[in-house]
Every structure is written in structure tokens, then in C-alpha cells.
Amino acid sequence: MDFRLSSRRLRWVTLVAAATIMTSLTPGIFTSGGAIAQNLPSLDQWQSAGFKPNVDTTPNRSDVGGTRGPENAPMEGLSLMALVPKYNQFGVTIAGNPQILVYLPTAKTDRIVRLELEEVTPGRLGSGPTRKFVYAQEWEVGQNGGIMNLSLPPSIPHNNHPQAQRSLMQTNQDYRWVVLVYDNTDAITGQVEGYIRQIDPGQVNWQNVEPTAGPIPNYLASLTPHRKGTVLFQNFVWYDAIAALAQAYQDDPMATAADWQQVLELAGFSPAEIATVLTQMAQSRQFIEGELL
């Protein structure tokens, strides 16, 4: 089965909006000089102790073609941004179906969000890395801005045996993901990328875990989303940490606002951008969900 989807759609389908519960938080917690989350690694700690990619993660492109002008530029001045450590664009996951989060700016039209996944392997003798297409999926979303959660499936149909399934990602293999956004004229209004590796829980030198925790997957499953996100963040498991913190934010925005400030700082958002994003989150608590195409 060919997963390469056309970016052009002849019709638009109805947006499935994320549910919202609370509409406001205390504005004072969103100042750029606000408190940093307790017990979460700093940028220096993350760089020194975090997992490292096996490939060169220097961006090979920051945007691609398409028409980008006043009519389809983001409305509030923020661009599409990846929620991944800014200094190397890389993170690991221990989940079978990891989640990739991006910040999607407000727009003037409905949009298509496309996620592509490539297997990437270091080149030989100084040559660039080799890439192999693995998967793509598209969603339709509306005009609202906010954080969007893009879930990867644990398995996909086998290339040679469509009736059988194979794992989407292989353990300890680096993958490059790309998110592209198209407006309703098929013009590309933004592109971001990052890298992900699926690892076994046994490859993590688990810290700050209770001695009687038992198997790590069972232990993590027993925790509240906020505690789970904190433990994963402290152990540098990026993708699963921010996915848990996203769920925790839905449950208790006040308790997790400082954590989200730390996440956004690590992802390279400026103080002004952090204030804008956190204020948006406080006003609607909306994590964007699109209609799968």
C-alpha cells in the first residue's frame, strides 16, 4: 500500500475540534520571567545528559516553495513551530504509538496538516545521510491556533503483504519527521521538522523512580499524567514526556503552566512567544484535533 497522499483535496471535510473545558487562567503566571517548573532539567542539563541523534540533524530546509503572502500568512505573527529540543531537534520515545506535538498558528483559511516520516541513516565516507520514506498522514483542521497532537500508529500494512502488519518504527533507528501545512489553495504556509528514535525502556538510566516501582511500563501507567510527564522529562524521554504533560494540562492547567513554560523554552520559543502560546492555552485549553483524511 502506498502511503504517499496527495496534498491537493477536491473537497473539505468537517473539522473535529478538540473539547474545551476552562476558558481562563491567572494572567500573572504567563510573564516571560515566570517561575520555572520544579525538578525539570534545564537546557544545559538536557544538552549534557539527554539522548543524542546518530545523524546530522541540521535543518536542510526551513520552508518549501508555495505561495506565502499576506492572504495566507499566520494572523498573530507566530509561525508553525516544532515542540522538540531546539538545539538538536531530537528526542526519544518508549511508546509504541508516539505523539508529535507542533504549534499551529491561527490562519484565515481551513488547512491541511501533513505529517511525513522517513527512516534516516548516517552516510558513509563523509556523505550525507540516506533517507527512506516510511509513512505519511494528513488531517484537516480549521483556523484556530494552538498546539496540535499528531499521533503515529504502532503499525502499518506490510509493503509486500498488505494483509499483514509491520511495526512503523524499528527500535534504535533514527527517523526524520516533517510537518507541512497547506491552506485551502494548496499553498504551503509552513514547514517544520524533527527527529525521533524509539528505544527500549531498559536503555534509560531511570532516575527519581521509586525503588519498588516494578516494570517501568507498569509504573508509568500507574502515575497521574502530571507525575508521568515529570518522571519522563527528568529521564530525557522527550516525546512521551510532553504528550503526558499535554494530557496533564487538560486536567489541571494551573499545576502544569510552569512545566509548559519549560517545554516551550527548550523548544526554542522566545519569551514573547511563550507568553502568547500560554495565554492562548489559558483562554481556550484547546489542543487541536483534525479530521483524518
Protein backbone atom coordinates (compact mmCIF):
# COMPACT_ATOMS: atom_id res chain seq x y z
CA MET A 1 0.00 0.00 0.00
CA ASP A 2 1.32 3.44 -0.93
CA PHE A 3 1.07 5.93 1.92
CA ARG A 4 2.09 8.93 -0.19
CA LEU A 5 -1.01 11.07 -0.05
CA SER A 6 -1.83 13.89 -2.42
CA SER A 7 -1.64 17.30 -0.84
CA ARG A 8 -4.47 18.55 -3.04
CA ARG A 9 -8.01 17.85 -1.91
CA LEU A 10 -11.08 18.46 -4.08
CA ARG A 11 -13.35 18.90 -1.08
CA TRP A 12 -13.06 19.82 2.57
CA VAL A 13 -14.48 17.72 5.36
CA THR A 14 -15.79 18.85 8.70
CA LEU A 15 -13.25 19.77 11.34
CA VAL A 16 -13.32 17.71 14.51
CA ALA A 17 -12.49 20.30 17.17
CA ALA A 18 -10.82 19.46 20.46
CA ALA A 19 -13.03 19.75 23.51
CA THR A 20 -12.55 22.74 25.79
CA ILE A 21 -13.33 22.96 29.45
CA MET A 22 -11.96 26.09 31.12
CA THR A 23 -11.57 29.47 29.48
CA SER A 24 -9.10 31.41 31.62
CA LEU A 25 -6.15 31.21 33.99
CA THR A 26 -4.42 33.75 36.19
CA PRO A 27 -2.58 36.09 33.78
CA GLY A 28 0.32 36.59 36.18
CA ILE A 29 1.74 33.11 35.57
CA PHE A 30 2.39 33.91 31.93
CA THR A 31 5.03 36.63 32.31
CA SER A 32 8.26 35.89 30.48
CA GLY A 33 10.07 35.96 33.81
CA GLY A 34 7.70 33.46 35.38
CA ALA A 35 8.68 30.55 37.59
CA ILE A 36 10.42 27.58 36.02
CA ALA A 37 8.89 24.17 36.63
CA GLN A 38 10.24 22.45 39.70
CA ASN A 39 12.59 19.49 39.28
CA LEU A 40 12.68 19.58 35.47
CA PRO A 41 16.04 19.62 33.67
CA SER A 42 17.42 22.92 32.46
CA LEU A 43 18.61 23.41 28.89
CA ASP A 44 22.23 22.78 29.96
CA GLN A 45 21.26 19.59 31.77
CA TRP A 46 19.24 18.40 28.80
CA GLN A 47 22.10 19.01 26.38
CA SER A 48 24.64 17.20 28.53
CA ALA A 49 22.53 14.27 29.72
CA GLY A 50 19.88 13.87 27.05
CA PHE A 51 19.87 11.34 24.25
CA LYS A 52 21.86 12.22 21.12
CA PRO A 53 20.93 11.52 17.48
CA ASN A 54 23.03 9.24 15.30
CA VAL A 55 22.59 11.51 12.29
CA ASP A 56 23.18 15.14 11.44
CA THR A 57 20.00 16.97 12.44
CA THR A 58 20.95 20.33 10.94
CA PRO A 59 17.86 21.52 9.06
CA ASN A 60 18.24 21.06 5.33
CA ARG A 61 15.36 23.42 4.66
CA SER A 62 13.32 25.82 6.75
CA ASP A 63 10.45 26.24 4.34
CA VAL A 64 9.49 24.97 0.94
CA GLY A 65 8.08 26.59 -2.17
CA GLY A 66 4.46 27.51 -2.35
CA THR A 67 2.86 30.89 -2.07
CA ARG A 68 3.20 32.70 1.21
CA GLY A 69 1.86 36.22 1.38
CA PRO A 70 -0.50 38.48 3.31
CA GLU A 71 -3.54 36.40 2.44
CA ASN A 72 -2.28 33.14 3.91
CA ALA A 73 0.36 34.19 6.44
CA PRO A 74 -0.28 33.41 10.12
CA MET A 75 -2.54 36.04 11.67
CA GLU A 76 -0.94 36.64 15.07
CA GLY A 77 2.69 36.67 13.92
CA LEU A 78 3.71 33.27 15.27
CA SER A 79 4.86 30.62 12.82
CA LEU A 80 4.41 26.88 12.73
CA MET A 81 6.86 25.55 15.31
CA ALA A 82 8.00 22.08 16.36
CA LEU A 83 7.87 21.07 20.00
CA VAL A 84 11.26 19.37 20.05
CA PRO A 85 14.57 20.41 21.67
CA LYS A 86 15.77 23.35 19.61
CA TYR A 87 19.50 22.64 19.83
CA ASN A 88 19.35 19.26 18.07
CA GLN A 89 15.68 18.72 17.05
CA PHE A 90 15.86 15.22 18.52
CA GLY A 91 14.06 13.17 21.11
CA VAL A 92 13.32 9.56 22.03
CA THR A 93 10.17 7.61 22.79
CA ILE A 94 9.44 4.34 24.57
CA ALA A 95 5.85 4.28 23.27
CA GLY A 96 4.63 2.02 20.51
CA ASN A 97 2.50 4.84 19.11
CA PRO A 98 4.37 8.07 19.93
CA GLN A 99 2.88 11.52 19.60
CA ILE A 100 4.45 14.51 17.86
CA LEU A 101 3.34 17.95 19.00
CA VAL A 102 3.60 21.14 16.98
CA TYR A 103 2.39 24.69 17.47
CA LEU A 104 -0.08 25.62 14.73
CA PRO A 105 -0.67 29.37 14.30
CA THR A 106 -4.03 30.98 13.69
CA ALA A 107 -4.91 31.26 9.99
CA LYS A 108 -7.50 32.83 7.72
CA THR A 109 -8.50 29.60 6.00
CA ASP A 110 -9.04 25.96 6.84
CA ARG A 111 -5.89 23.93 6.37
CA ILE A 112 -4.41 20.53 5.65
CA VAL A 113 -1.68 19.35 8.02
CA ARG A 114 0.57 16.65 6.58
CA LEU A 115 2.98 14.51 8.59
CA GLU A 116 5.74 12.59 6.79
CA LEU A 117 8.13 10.07 8.37
CA GLU A 118 11.46 8.99 6.88
CA GLU A 119 13.99 6.42 8.03
CA VAL A 120 17.34 8.21 8.15
CA THR A 121 20.76 6.55 8.31
CA PRO A 122 24.20 8.18 8.59
CA GLY A 123 26.08 8.43 5.30
CA ARG A 124 29.44 6.83 4.64
CA LEU A 125 32.77 8.48 3.97
CA GLY A 126 31.52 11.97 4.65
CA SER A 127 28.41 11.71 2.50
CA GLY A 128 25.05 12.96 3.71
CA PRO A 129 22.51 10.73 5.44
CA THR A 130 20.31 8.43 3.42
CA ARG A 131 16.54 8.72 3.74
CA LYS A 132 13.79 6.23 3.06
CA PHE A 133 10.10 7.16 3.03
CA VAL A 134 8.10 5.25 5.64
CA TYR A 135 4.73 6.88 6.30
CA ALA A 136 2.52 9.91 5.73
CA GLN A 137 -0.83 11.07 7.01
CA GLU A 138 -2.97 14.17 6.54
CA TRP A 139 -5.52 15.92 8.71
CA GLU A 140 -7.91 18.76 8.00
CA VAL A 141 -8.02 21.47 10.63
CA GLY A 142 -9.77 24.78 10.96
CA GLN A 143 -8.44 28.27 11.51
CA ASN A 144 -7.78 28.22 15.25
CA GLY A 145 -4.23 28.35 16.55
CA GLY A 146 -2.80 26.17 19.28
CA ILE A 147 -0.86 23.01 19.95
CA MET A 148 -1.70 20.07 17.72
CA ASN A 149 -1.05 16.48 18.68
CA LEU A 150 -0.14 14.19 15.76
CA SER A 151 -0.25 10.52 16.70
CA LEU A 152 1.83 7.93 14.89
CA PRO A 153 0.31 4.44 14.54
CA PRO A 154 2.13 1.46 16.09
CA SER A 155 1.93 -0.49 12.83
CA ILE A 156 1.18 -0.12 9.14
CA PRO A 157 0.41 -2.59 6.33
CA HIS A 158 3.41 -4.59 5.16
CA ASN A 159 4.79 -3.47 1.79
CA ASN A 160 4.78 -6.93 0.26
CA HIS A 161 1.84 -8.36 2.19
CA PRO A 162 -0.89 -5.70 2.56
CA GLN A 163 -2.98 -8.08 4.65
CA ALA A 164 -0.22 -8.25 7.28
CA GLN A 165 1.01 -5.51 9.61
CA ARG A 166 4.55 -4.41 10.41
CA SER A 167 5.86 -2.06 13.06
CA LEU A 168 6.00 1.54 11.91
CA MET A 169 9.38 2.15 13.56
CA GLN A 170 12.28 -0.14 14.34
CA THR A 171 13.95 0.15 17.74
CA ASN A 172 17.11 2.30 17.81
CA GLN A 173 16.59 3.54 14.26
CA ASP A 174 16.54 7.30 13.80
CA TYR A 175 13.63 8.82 11.87
CA ARG A 176 13.06 12.29 10.50
CA TRP A 177 9.55 13.70 10.59
CA VAL A 178 8.29 16.68 8.63
CA VAL A 179 5.05 18.59 9.18
CA LEU A 180 3.76 20.73 6.32
CA VAL A 181 0.70 22.98 6.40
CA TYR A 182 -1.33 23.79 3.28
CA ASP A 183 -4.04 26.42 3.05
CA ASN A 184 -7.24 25.92 1.06
CA THR A 185 -5.49 26.90 -2.19
CA ASP A 186 -2.82 24.22 -1.65
CA ALA A 187 -0.18 26.86 -0.90
CA ILE A 188 2.35 25.76 1.70
CA THR A 189 2.21 28.14 4.66
CA GLY A 190 4.73 26.44 6.92
CA GLN A 191 7.07 23.51 7.46
CA VAL A 192 8.91 22.16 10.49
CA GLU A 193 10.91 19.02 11.12
CA GLY A 194 12.36 16.94 13.92
CA TYR A 195 13.92 13.57 14.65
CA ILE A 196 12.70 10.66 16.73
CA ARG A 197 14.06 7.32 17.89
CA GLN A 198 12.12 4.53 19.55
CA ILE A 199 14.08 2.89 22.37
CA ASP A 200 13.50 0.12 24.88
CA PRO A 201 12.74 1.24 28.46
CA GLY A 202 15.80 -0.73 29.57
CA GLN A 203 18.02 1.72 27.68
CA VAL A 204 17.04 4.52 30.04
CA ASN A 205 19.04 5.02 33.25
CA TRP A 206 15.88 5.72 35.24
CA GLN A 207 16.24 8.36 37.93
CA ASN A 208 13.76 9.56 40.57
CA VAL A 209 11.74 6.36 40.32
CA GLU A 210 10.55 4.63 43.47
CA PRO A 211 12.70 1.55 44.32
CA THR A 212 9.59 -0.63 44.45
CA ALA A 213 8.26 0.65 41.12
CA GLY A 214 8.47 -2.69 39.33
CA PRO A 215 8.47 -2.83 35.49
CA ILE A 216 8.76 0.70 34.12
CA PRO A 217 5.80 0.48 31.67
CA ASN A 218 3.52 -0.64 34.52
CA TYR A 219 4.91 2.01 36.84
CA LEU A 220 4.39 4.82 34.34
CA ALA A 221 0.87 3.62 33.61
CA SER A 222 0.05 3.88 37.34
CA LEU A 223 1.04 7.56 37.60
CA THR A 224 -1.09 10.64 37.09
CA PRO A 225 -0.35 12.37 33.75
CA HIS A 226 1.49 15.19 35.53
CA ARG A 227 3.70 12.86 37.54
CA LYS A 228 4.28 10.67 34.50
CA GLY A 229 5.32 13.66 32.42
CA THR A 230 7.67 14.84 35.17
CA VAL A 231 9.36 11.43 35.50
CA LEU A 232 9.76 11.07 31.74
CA PHE A 233 11.09 14.63 31.45
CA GLN A 234 13.62 14.03 34.22
CA ASN A 235 14.81 10.96 32.31
CA PHE A 236 15.03 12.79 28.96
CA VAL A 237 12.28 10.79 27.19
CA TRP A 238 11.09 13.82 25.25
CA TYR A 239 8.11 12.78 23.14
CA ASP A 240 6.34 10.78 25.83
CA ALA A 241 7.03 13.47 28.44
CA ILE A 242 5.38 16.27 26.51
CA ALA A 243 2.48 14.00 25.50
CA ALA A 244 1.86 13.27 29.20
CA LEU A 245 2.20 16.95 30.09
CA ALA A 246 -0.32 17.79 27.37
CA GLN A 247 -2.80 15.42 28.98
CA ALA A 248 -1.95 16.84 32.41
CA TYR A 249 -2.64 20.35 31.15
CA GLN A 250 -6.12 19.33 30.14
CA ASP A 251 -6.69 18.06 33.68
CA ASP A 252 -5.11 20.94 35.62
CA PRO A 253 -3.76 23.96 33.70
CA MET A 254 -2.68 25.84 36.83
CA ALA A 255 -0.49 22.99 38.05
CA THR A 256 1.26 22.49 34.73
CA ALA A 257 1.73 26.03 33.36
CA ALA A 258 5.34 26.24 34.62
CA ASP A 259 6.10 22.85 33.05
CA TRP A 260 4.82 24.12 29.73
CA GLN A 261 6.94 27.23 30.00
CA GLN A 262 9.98 24.95 30.38
CA VAL A 263 8.91 22.79 27.40
CA LEU A 264 8.49 25.85 25.18
CA GLU A 265 11.84 27.29 26.27
CA LEU A 266 13.61 24.05 25.36
CA ALA A 267 11.79 24.06 22.03
CA GLY A 268 13.27 27.48 21.22
CA PHE A 269 10.26 29.74 21.74
CA SER A 270 11.17 33.30 22.70
CA PRO A 271 9.80 34.81 25.95
CA ALA A 272 7.21 36.77 23.96
CA GLU A 273 6.19 33.65 22.02
CA ILE A 274 5.93 31.66 25.24
CA ALA A 275 3.65 34.30 26.74
CA THR A 276 1.46 34.26 23.64
CA VAL A 277 1.19 30.47 23.49
CA LEU A 278 0.46 30.08 27.20
CA THR A 279 -2.13 32.81 27.04
CA GLN A 280 -3.78 31.06 24.08
CA MET A 281 -3.76 27.79 26.02
CA ALA A 282 -5.28 29.51 29.03
CA GLN A 283 -8.03 31.15 27.03
CA SER A 284 -9.30 28.01 25.37
CA ARG A 285 -7.38 24.96 26.64
CA GLN A 286 -7.72 23.73 23.08
CA PHE A 287 -5.35 21.11 21.76
CA ILE A 288 -6.19 20.98 18.08
CA GLU A 289 -7.53 17.74 16.67
CA GLY A 290 -8.11 17.38 12.96
CA GLU A 291 -10.24 15.16 10.80
CA LEU A 292 -8.10 12.31 9.49
CA LEU A 293 -8.07 12.22 5.69
